Amino acid sequence: WFLSRYPDNAPEWLGSVGYPGREGIFVQGPTRTRGLRDGGAHLEYYGCYNGSWFQPSTYFAAHTDIPTSDLQNCSTSLMSTAAYLAPVVQWTPDPDGFDFAPDGGLI
C-alpha cells in the first residue's frame, strides 16, 4: 500500500551496520512497570508517546537532570573523527551538511 502511493519514499538497503539487532525503544523495567501500572502506557511502544493520550514525561527524568559535567563537545568526541564519520558521509543524502576540519574530523 505505502509503496504504491509513495514510490519515491521506498526503503533502500544501505548495507549492514556490522552487528545483528532490531529496531525498538529500550525502557528500563521499573520505568516500564510504572507506566503500565499507573496509566496503562506501554512505554516500549512509540504510540504511547502521544501526549494527547498519555503523559509519558511522568515516567522519565527531565533533560535538565543530566549532569552537564558528563557531556562533551562534538569536536572532542570520538564520534567526530573522520574514521567514525566516513560511513555516515558515504550514505547521507546531504554531505554538504557537514563541516570538516583540515584533519577530516567534524567541526
C-alpha atoms as a PDB file:
ATOM      1  CA  TRP A   1       0.000   0.000   0.000  1.00  0.00           C
ATOM      2  CA  PHE A   2       2.644   2.540   1.058  1.00  0.00           C
ATOM      3  CA  LEU A   3       4.977   1.819  -1.854  1.00  0.00           C
ATOM      4  CA  SER A   4       2.191   2.108  -4.410  1.00  0.00           C
ATOM      5  CA  ARG A   5       1.312   5.577  -3.102  1.00  0.00           C
ATOM      6  CA  TYR A   6       4.804   6.835  -2.272  1.00  0.00           C
ATOM      7  CA  PRO A   7       7.285   5.089  -4.559  1.00  0.00           C
ATOM      8  CA  ASP A   8       9.907   7.828  -4.063  1.00  0.00           C
ATOM      9  CA  ASN A   9       9.989   7.036  -0.334  1.00  0.00           C
ATOM     10  CA  ALA A  10      10.695   3.332  -0.699  1.00  0.00           C
ATOM     11  CA  PRO A  11      13.199   1.992   1.838  1.00  0.00           C
ATOM     12  CA  GLU A  12      16.663   1.255   0.495  1.00  0.00           C
ATOM     13  CA  TRP A  13      19.099  -1.387   1.691  1.00  0.00           C
ATOM     14  CA  LEU A  14      22.254   0.541   2.580  1.00  0.00           C
ATOM     15  CA  GLY A  15      24.204  -2.397   3.910  1.00  0.00           C
ATOM     16  CA  SER A  16      24.932  -3.934   7.261  1.00  0.00           C
ATOM     17  CA  VAL A  17      25.650  -1.902  10.373  1.00  0.00           C
ATOM     18  CA  GLY A  18      28.100  -4.616  11.375  1.00  0.00           C
ATOM     19  CA  TYR A  19      26.052  -6.399  14.023  1.00  0.00           C
ATOM     20  CA  PRO A  20      22.649  -8.079  14.280  1.00  0.00           C
ATOM     21  CA  GLY A  21      19.940  -6.121  16.005  1.00  0.00           C
ATOM     22  CA  ARG A  22      16.372  -4.995  15.908  1.00  0.00           C
ATOM     23  CA  GLU A  23      14.534  -1.739  15.911  1.00  0.00           C
ATOM     24  CA  GLY A  24      12.852  -0.590  19.078  1.00  0.00           C
ATOM     25  CA  ILE A  25      12.879   1.548  22.162  1.00  0.00           C
ATOM     26  CA  PHE A  26      14.625   0.414  25.318  1.00  0.00           C
ATOM     27  CA  VAL A  27      12.936   1.424  28.545  1.00  0.00           C
ATOM     28  CA  GLN A  28      14.246   0.038  31.831  1.00  0.00           C
ATOM     29  CA  GLY A  29      12.000  -2.448  33.640  1.00  0.00           C
ATOM     30  CA  PRO A  30      10.993  -0.316  36.644  1.00  0.00           C
ATOM     31  CA  THR A  31      10.045   2.617  34.401  1.00  0.00           C
ATOM     32  CA  ARG A  32       8.119   0.346  32.047  1.00  0.00           C
ATOM     33  CA  THR A  33       6.293  -1.214  35.011  1.00  0.00           C
ATOM     34  CA  ARG A  34       5.310   2.194  36.453  1.00  0.00           C
ATOM     35  CA  GLY A  35       3.910   3.270  33.085  1.00  0.00           C
ATOM     36  CA  LEU A  36       1.765   0.155  32.830  1.00  0.00           C
ATOM     37  CA  ARG A  37       0.666   0.195  36.448  1.00  0.00           C
ATOM     38  CA  ASP A  38      -0.169   3.891  36.712  1.00  0.00           C
ATOM     39  CA  GLY A  39      -1.733   4.637  33.370  1.00  0.00           C
ATOM     40  CA  GLY A  40      -1.616   1.647  31.036  1.00  0.00           C
ATOM     41  CA  ALA A  41       1.164   3.231  28.967  1.00  0.00           C
ATOM     42  CA  HIS A  42       3.281   0.653  27.132  1.00  0.00           C
ATOM     43  CA  LEU A  43       6.404   2.797  27.101  1.00  0.00           C
ATOM     44  CA  GLU A  44       8.260   0.435  24.773  1.00  0.00           C
ATOM     45  CA  TYR A  45       5.710   1.261  22.050  1.00  0.00           C
ATOM     46  CA  TYR A  46       6.018   4.589  20.219  1.00  0.00           C
ATOM     47  CA  GLY A  47       2.245   5.156  20.197  1.00  0.00           C
ATOM     48  CA  CYS A  48       2.259   5.689  23.949  1.00  0.00           C
ATOM     49  CA  TYR A  49       4.354   8.822  23.475  1.00  0.00           C
ATOM     50  CA  ASN A  50       1.337  10.651  22.052  1.00  0.00           C
ATOM     51  CA  GLY A  51       0.942  13.465  24.580  1.00  0.00           C
ATOM     52  CA  SER A  52      -2.776  13.863  23.877  1.00  0.00           C
ATOM     53  CA  TRP A  53      -3.414  10.300  25.108  1.00  0.00           C
ATOM     54  CA  PHE A  54      -0.709   9.752  27.725  1.00  0.00           C
ATOM     55  CA  GLN A  55       1.760  11.763  29.790  1.00  0.00           C
ATOM     56  CA  PRO A  56       4.973   9.808  29.148  1.00  0.00           C
ATOM     57  CA  SER A  57       7.145  12.523  30.680  1.00  0.00           C
ATOM     58  CA  THR A  58       5.767  11.460  34.065  1.00  0.00           C
ATOM     59  CA  TYR A  59       7.952   8.350  33.943  1.00  0.00           C
ATOM     60  CA  PHE A  60      11.250   9.915  32.888  1.00  0.00           C
ATOM     61  CA  ALA A  61      13.757  12.407  34.209  1.00  0.00           C
ATOM     62  CA  ALA A  62      13.899  15.838  32.600  1.00  0.00           C
ATOM     63  CA  HIS A  63      16.726  16.743  30.242  1.00  0.00           C
ATOM     64  CA  THR A  64      17.786  19.308  32.834  1.00  0.00           C
ATOM     65  CA  ASP A  65      18.615  16.413  35.196  1.00  0.00           C
ATOM     66  CA  ILE A  66      21.543  15.350  33.003  1.00  0.00           C
ATOM     67  CA  PRO A  67      24.795  16.452  34.651  1.00  0.00           C
ATOM     68  CA  THR A  68      26.447  18.709  32.103  1.00  0.00           C
ATOM     69  CA  SER A  69      29.839  17.687  33.515  1.00  0.00           C
ATOM     70  CA  ASP A  70      29.222  14.279  31.873  1.00  0.00           C
ATOM     71  CA  LEU A  71      28.811  15.844  28.420  1.00  0.00           C
ATOM     72  CA  GLN A  72      31.449  16.813  25.910  1.00  0.00           C
ATOM     73  CA  ASN A  73      31.559  18.913  22.765  1.00  0.00           C
ATOM     74  CA  CYS A  74      31.102  17.125  19.463  1.00  0.00           C
ATOM     75  CA  SER A  75      34.521  18.366  18.383  1.00  0.00           C
ATOM     76  CA  THR A  76      36.231  16.421  21.200  1.00  0.00           C
ATOM     77  CA  SER A  77      34.133  13.265  20.876  1.00  0.00           C
ATOM     78  CA  LEU A  78      35.338  10.120  19.114  1.00  0.00           C
ATOM     79  CA  MET A  79      32.103  10.372  17.144  1.00  0.00           C
ATOM     80  CA  SER A  80      33.523  13.398  15.320  1.00  0.00           C
ATOM     81  CA  THR A  81      36.576  11.624  13.928  1.00  0.00           C
ATOM     82  CA  ALA A  82      36.940  11.098  10.215  1.00  0.00           C
ATOM     83  CA  ALA A  83      37.016   7.306  10.669  1.00  0.00           C
ATOM     84  CA  TYR A  84      33.732   7.321  12.585  1.00  0.00           C
ATOM     85  CA  LEU A  85      32.024   9.700  10.155  1.00  0.00           C
ATOM     86  CA  ALA A  86      33.147   8.055   6.909  1.00  0.00           C
ATOM     87  CA  PRO A  87      30.124   5.700   6.666  1.00  0.00           C
ATOM     88  CA  VAL A  88      27.719   8.485   7.632  1.00  0.00           C
ATOM     89  CA  VAL A  89      29.081  10.811   4.973  1.00  0.00           C
ATOM     90  CA  GLN A  90      29.054   7.972   2.435  1.00  0.00           C
ATOM     91  CA  TRP A  91      25.357   7.226   2.907  1.00  0.00           C
ATOM     92  CA  THR A  92      23.886  10.629   3.725  1.00  0.00           C
ATOM     93  CA  PRO A  93      21.815  12.375   1.085  1.00  0.00           C
ATOM     94  CA  ASP A  94      23.368  15.729   2.108  1.00  0.00           C
ATOM     95  CA  PRO A  95      27.149  15.554   2.511  1.00  0.00           C
ATOM     96  CA  ASP A  96      27.277  19.340   2.222  1.00  0.00           C
ATOM     97  CA  GLY A  97      25.576  19.465   5.624  1.00  0.00           C
ATOM     98  CA  PHE A  98      28.891  18.587   7.298  1.00  0.00           C
ATOM     99  CA  ASP A  99      31.714  20.969   8.164  1.00  0.00           C
ATOM    100  CA  PHE A 100      35.102  19.293   8.275  1.00  0.00           C
ATOM    101  CA  ALA A 101      38.361  20.334   9.883  1.00  0.00           C
ATOM    102  CA  PRO A 102      41.600  20.027   7.879  1.00  0.00           C
ATOM    103  CA  ASP A 103      42.262  16.651   9.573  1.00  0.00           C
ATOM    104  CA  GLY A 104      38.917  15.335   8.286  1.00  0.00           C
ATOM    105  CA  GLY A 105      37.105  15.469  11.630  1.00  0.00           C
ATOM    106  CA  LEU A 106      33.775  17.128  12.095  1.00  0.00           C
ATOM    107  CA  ILE A 107      33.699  20.760  13.197  1.00  0.00           C
END
